[in-house]
Amino acid sequence: MFKKRGLLLLMLSVVIAIGAAWVANNYVKSRLETATRGQSASVTVVAAAMRIPYGTKLEARHVKTMEVPENVLPPGAIRDFAEVDGKIVKGEILDGEILLKDRVAGGGEGSTLASLVAPNMRAVTVRVNDVIGVAGFLLPGNHVDVLGTRLQRAKIDARAITETIVHMVKVLAVDQTASTDKNEPVVVRAVTLELTPKDAEELVKWEEEGTIQLALRNPTDTLVAEEKPEPAPAPRPVRRQAPAKVDDGNSVILIRGTQVNTTKTKG
């Protein structure tokens, strides 16, 4: 009797275990199917295979392909290397970063520097030394303020005046290099700046009339210093005129040089 009851309980336990395993298996499958349906399809994109410095001409060795979910694909992502082959990098690209269309400049004919110049801007080269060139710490991609100094001649003596000509100017190249992997200071003889046509004219004018100085800016600093108002010219001294003398008909006015005498006459 007891043996039959034990056998029955054993069989019942096995059936319950099998049923529990079947329910658990179906639950896991449904969860996996739901997760799979929630994921979007993967797409192939072009990413940097190494750190690509500013001003580099893209080649096949610089890039790699990778799969990313389509729903997280950033706008402007490059999906075919043929789209950027031979183009110029407008800013440093880190290893593994997805290449975007607005991070590269069209190649075409001409020099690398010409491709880096933004539309409606001009590249102007200025001569520098170890002082003007911020002790050699200027690198392509940095931003600087340009200060100008010239003599303001007066009637008695001359004094130097200094003012900021342009703010937030992008450095396109140092000497004949538009890209560099070095961070050590290198004294250069020329720096090429990106300016508007009007600012380019003003800079050339200041170079002819005096000297210029470059001031290196922090990459995160985008503020422009407020321009100081020009001092108002000193008012001219006003000469006071002597009150007019009324002639009552009984006086004689004698003028001798700068002296004026009035003599009363008998009425």
Protein backbone atom coordinates (compact mmCIF):
# COMPACT_ATOMS: atom_id res chain seq x y z
CA MET A 1 0.00 0.00 0.00
CA PHE A 2 2.70 2.41 1.01
CA LYS A 3 4.80 1.42 -2.00
CA LYS A 4 1.94 2.27 -4.40
CA ARG A 5 1.36 5.64 -2.71
CA GLY A 6 5.06 6.50 -2.91
CA LEU A 7 5.18 5.55 -6.56
CA LEU A 8 2.13 7.71 -7.25
CA LEU A 9 3.66 10.72 -5.49
CA LEU A 10 6.90 10.24 -7.43
CA MET A 11 5.06 10.19 -10.75
CA LEU A 12 3.04 13.26 -9.75
CA SER A 13 6.25 15.13 -8.85
CA VAL A 14 7.77 14.27 -12.21
CA VAL A 15 4.67 15.52 -14.05
CA ILE A 16 4.69 18.78 -12.07
CA ALA A 17 8.39 19.28 -12.77
CA ILE A 18 7.93 18.70 -16.48
CA GLY A 19 5.00 21.12 -16.54
CA ALA A 20 6.99 23.80 -14.69
CA ALA A 21 9.92 23.39 -17.09
CA TRP A 22 7.57 23.71 -20.08
CA VAL A 23 5.99 26.90 -18.68
CA ALA A 24 9.39 28.42 -17.91
CA ASN A 25 10.70 27.55 -21.37
CA ASN A 26 7.72 29.18 -23.08
CA TYR A 27 8.09 32.29 -20.93
CA VAL A 28 11.76 32.71 -21.83
CA LYS A 29 11.04 32.21 -25.52
CA SER A 30 8.28 34.83 -25.49
CA ARG A 31 10.57 37.33 -23.76
CA LEU A 32 13.33 36.73 -26.29
CA GLU A 33 10.93 37.15 -29.20
CA THR A 34 9.63 40.39 -27.72
CA ALA A 35 13.17 41.73 -27.25
CA THR A 36 14.11 40.71 -30.78
CA ARG A 37 11.08 42.46 -32.23
CA GLY A 38 11.95 45.63 -30.27
CA GLN A 39 15.44 45.80 -31.77
CA SER A 40 15.88 47.56 -35.12
CA ALA A 41 17.96 46.16 -37.93
CA SER A 42 21.68 46.80 -37.94
CA VAL A 43 23.34 48.96 -40.58
CA THR A 44 26.95 49.32 -41.66
CA VAL A 45 28.70 52.66 -41.02
CA VAL A 46 32.21 54.02 -41.52
CA ALA A 47 34.19 54.76 -38.34
CA ALA A 48 37.72 55.91 -37.56
CA ALA A 49 40.22 53.08 -37.23
CA MET A 50 42.67 55.42 -35.44
CA ARG A 51 42.89 58.97 -34.17
CA ILE A 52 42.67 61.19 -37.26
CA PRO A 53 44.26 64.65 -36.77
CA TYR A 54 42.81 67.89 -38.08
CA GLY A 55 43.59 68.55 -41.74
CA THR A 56 44.27 64.89 -42.65
CA LYS A 57 43.38 63.66 -46.12
CA LEU A 58 41.26 60.54 -45.61
CA GLU A 59 42.56 57.23 -46.92
CA ALA A 60 41.32 53.65 -46.59
CA ARG A 61 43.79 52.93 -43.78
CA HIS A 62 42.18 55.60 -41.60
CA VAL A 63 38.75 53.96 -41.41
CA LYS A 64 36.90 50.74 -40.64
CA THR A 65 33.31 49.53 -40.88
CA MET A 66 31.07 48.62 -37.97
CA GLU A 67 27.48 47.54 -37.36
CA VAL A 68 25.15 49.75 -35.33
CA PRO A 69 21.38 49.60 -34.72
CA GLU A 70 19.53 51.70 -37.25
CA ASN A 71 17.48 53.46 -34.58
CA VAL A 72 20.63 54.94 -32.96
CA LEU A 73 22.31 55.97 -36.21
CA PRO A 74 23.40 59.65 -35.92
CA PRO A 75 22.27 62.07 -38.64
CA GLY A 76 24.80 62.48 -41.44
CA ALA A 77 26.63 59.22 -40.71
CA ILE A 78 28.85 57.96 -43.54
CA ARG A 79 27.82 54.49 -44.71
CA ASP A 80 30.19 54.13 -47.66
CA PHE A 81 33.86 55.11 -47.64
CA ALA A 82 33.59 56.23 -51.28
CA GLU A 83 31.64 59.25 -49.99
CA VAL A 84 34.66 60.59 -48.07
CA ASP A 85 37.62 59.11 -49.94
CA GLY A 86 40.22 61.85 -50.40
CA LYS A 87 38.34 64.46 -48.37
CA ILE A 88 39.86 66.58 -45.60
CA VAL A 89 39.12 66.23 -41.89
CA LYS A 90 37.83 69.55 -40.48
CA GLY A 91 38.44 68.57 -36.83
CA GLU A 92 40.20 65.85 -34.89
CA ILE A 93 38.34 62.50 -35.03
CA LEU A 94 38.87 59.98 -32.23
CA ASP A 95 39.46 56.25 -32.66
CA GLY A 96 36.13 54.44 -33.09
CA GLU A 97 34.14 57.62 -33.78
CA ILE A 98 31.52 57.37 -36.53
CA LEU A 99 32.38 59.63 -39.48
CA LEU A 100 29.83 62.38 -40.13
CA LYS A 101 29.40 64.42 -43.30
CA ASP A 102 29.86 67.77 -41.56
CA ARG A 103 33.21 66.67 -40.09
CA VAL A 104 34.92 66.47 -43.49
CA ALA A 105 35.49 69.01 -46.25
CA GLY A 106 35.21 68.37 -49.96
CA GLY A 107 38.50 67.55 -51.59
CA GLY A 108 38.54 68.52 -55.22
CA GLU A 109 41.43 70.22 -56.96
CA GLY A 110 43.76 72.56 -55.14
CA SER A 111 45.68 72.41 -51.89
CA THR A 112 44.56 70.82 -48.65
CA LEU A 113 44.40 74.25 -47.05
CA ALA A 114 41.96 75.53 -49.66
CA SER A 115 39.53 72.74 -48.73
CA LEU A 116 39.69 73.77 -45.06
CA VAL A 117 38.66 77.37 -45.68
CA ALA A 118 34.97 77.83 -44.89
CA PRO A 119 32.68 79.36 -47.54
CA ASN A 120 32.80 83.19 -47.67
CA MET A 121 36.01 83.19 -45.61
CA ARG A 122 39.62 83.94 -46.55
CA ALA A 123 42.97 82.46 -45.54
CA VAL A 124 45.50 85.15 -44.62
CA THR A 125 49.09 84.41 -43.60
CA VAL A 126 50.90 86.67 -41.16
CA ARG A 127 54.58 86.67 -40.29
CA VAL A 128 55.29 85.77 -36.64
CA ASN A 129 58.19 85.10 -34.32
CA ASP A 130 58.58 83.31 -30.98
CA VAL A 131 56.68 86.12 -29.21
CA ILE A 132 53.92 86.88 -31.71
CA GLY A 133 53.37 83.15 -32.27
CA VAL A 134 52.64 82.50 -28.55
CA ALA A 135 56.05 80.91 -27.96
CA GLY A 136 55.36 78.18 -30.51
CA PHE A 137 52.26 76.79 -28.78
CA LEU A 138 49.96 77.57 -31.73
CA LEU A 139 48.61 74.51 -33.54
CA PRO A 140 46.20 74.14 -36.47
CA GLY A 141 42.65 74.23 -35.17
CA ASN A 142 43.39 76.63 -32.28
CA HIS A 143 41.53 79.94 -31.95
CA VAL A 144 43.21 83.27 -31.23
CA ASP A 145 42.45 86.95 -30.79
CA VAL A 146 44.49 89.35 -32.93
CA LEU A 147 45.74 92.49 -31.17
CA GLY A 148 47.16 95.47 -33.04
CA THR A 149 49.50 98.19 -31.78
CA ARG A 150 50.36 101.44 -33.55
CA LEU A 151 51.55 104.94 -32.73
CA GLN A 152 48.96 107.65 -32.43
CA ARG A 153 50.71 110.90 -33.23
CA ALA A 154 49.65 114.11 -31.50
CA LYS A 155 50.87 117.68 -31.85
CA ILE A 156 53.28 117.39 -28.93
CA ASP A 157 54.24 113.69 -28.65
CA ALA A 158 53.27 110.22 -29.86
CA ARG A 159 51.84 107.38 -27.78
CA ALA A 160 51.14 103.72 -28.59
CA ILE A 161 47.58 102.39 -28.61
CA THR A 162 46.59 98.70 -28.60
CA GLU A 163 43.20 97.21 -29.42
CA THR A 164 41.75 93.85 -30.40
CA ILE A 165 41.31 93.76 -34.16
CA VAL A 166 39.34 90.48 -34.42
CA HIS A 167 38.10 87.85 -31.95
CA MET A 168 37.90 84.05 -32.20
CA VAL A 169 40.05 83.59 -35.31
CA LYS A 170 40.69 80.00 -36.37
CA VAL A 171 44.29 78.95 -37.05
CA LEU A 172 44.30 77.03 -40.33
CA ALA A 173 48.00 76.27 -40.55
CA VAL A 174 51.38 76.98 -38.98
CA ASP A 175 54.22 77.44 -41.45
CA GLN A 176 53.27 75.00 -44.24
CA THR A 177 51.53 72.44 -42.01
CA ALA A 178 47.75 72.17 -41.81
CA SER A 179 47.84 69.20 -39.40
CA THR A 180 50.17 67.98 -36.70
CA ASP A 181 50.32 65.13 -34.20
CA LYS A 182 52.73 66.97 -31.91
CA ASN A 183 51.83 68.98 -28.83
CA GLU A 184 55.32 70.26 -28.10
CA PRO A 185 55.95 73.96 -28.81
CA VAL A 186 57.51 74.64 -32.20
CA VAL A 187 58.63 78.14 -33.15
CA VAL A 188 57.24 78.99 -36.57
CA ARG A 189 57.71 81.86 -38.98
CA ALA A 190 54.18 82.19 -40.36
CA VAL A 191 50.63 81.49 -39.22
CA THR A 192 47.63 81.24 -41.56
CA LEU A 193 44.34 82.54 -40.16
CA GLU A 194 40.74 82.20 -41.34
CA LEU A 195 39.11 85.64 -41.64
CA THR A 196 36.17 87.35 -43.24
CA PRO A 197 37.12 89.58 -46.20
CA LYS A 198 36.55 92.72 -44.10
CA ASP A 199 38.68 91.44 -41.19
CA ALA A 200 41.39 90.40 -43.66
CA GLU A 201 41.59 93.96 -44.96
CA GLU A 202 41.73 95.35 -41.42
CA LEU A 203 44.52 92.94 -40.43
CA VAL A 204 46.67 93.83 -43.44
CA LYS A 205 46.14 97.52 -42.70
CA TRP A 206 47.28 97.11 -39.08
CA GLU A 207 50.37 95.18 -40.20
CA GLU A 208 51.37 98.09 -42.42
CA GLU A 209 50.73 100.76 -39.78
CA GLY A 210 52.13 98.97 -36.71
CA THR A 211 52.54 95.51 -35.22
CA ILE A 212 50.21 92.64 -34.33
CA GLN A 213 50.16 90.10 -31.50
CA LEU A 214 48.29 86.78 -31.30
CA ALA A 215 46.53 85.82 -28.05
CA LEU A 216 45.74 82.11 -27.66
CA ARG A 217 42.20 81.30 -26.44
CA ASN A 218 40.90 78.40 -24.38
CA PRO A 219 38.96 75.97 -26.65
CA THR A 220 35.87 76.27 -24.43
CA ASP A 221 35.96 80.08 -24.26
CA THR A 222 33.53 81.56 -26.77
CA LEU A 223 32.93 84.92 -25.10
CA VAL A 224 33.89 88.11 -26.88
CA ALA A 225 35.13 90.96 -24.72
CA GLU A 226 33.00 94.05 -24.83
CA GLU A 227 34.55 96.89 -26.79
CA LYS A 228 35.45 99.90 -24.71
CA PRO A 229 33.70 103.07 -25.86
CA GLU A 230 36.00 105.67 -27.34
CA PRO A 231 36.63 108.55 -24.95
CA ALA A 232 34.69 111.67 -25.81
CA PRO A 233 36.85 114.53 -27.10
CA ALA A 234 37.65 117.21 -24.53
CA PRO A 235 35.43 120.29 -24.93
CA ARG A 236 37.09 123.36 -26.35
CA PRO A 237 37.51 126.26 -23.93
CA VAL A 238 34.95 128.96 -24.53
CA ARG A 239 36.26 132.52 -24.61
CA ARG A 240 34.22 134.82 -22.52
CA GLN A 241 33.38 138.09 -24.17
CA ALA A 242 33.23 141.28 -22.19
CA PRO A 243 29.70 142.59 -21.74
CA ALA A 244 28.74 145.07 -24.36
CA LYS A 245 28.87 148.67 -23.29
CA VAL A 246 25.85 150.77 -23.97
CA ASP A 247 26.55 154.15 -25.46
CA ASP A 248 24.20 156.66 -23.78
CA GLY A 249 25.25 159.44 -26.13
CA ASN A 250 27.28 161.27 -23.42
CA SER A 251 30.52 159.27 -23.68
CA VAL A 252 33.44 158.90 -26.07
CA ILE A 253 35.07 155.49 -26.65
CA LEU A 254 38.83 155.61 -27.35
CA ILE A 255 40.44 152.44 -28.70
CA ARG A 256 44.25 152.21 -28.54
CA GLY A 257 45.48 148.79 -29.62
CA THR A 258 43.86 146.36 -27.21
CA GLN A 259 42.84 149.00 -24.69
CA VAL A 260 39.36 150.47 -24.68
CA ASN A 261 38.68 153.67 -22.68
CA THR A 262 35.41 155.43 -22.26
CA THR A 263 35.31 159.10 -21.35
CA LYS A 264 32.24 160.85 -20.15
CA THR A 265 31.35 164.13 -21.82
CA LYS A 266 29.37 166.93 -20.41
CA GLY A 267 25.80 166.87 -21.51
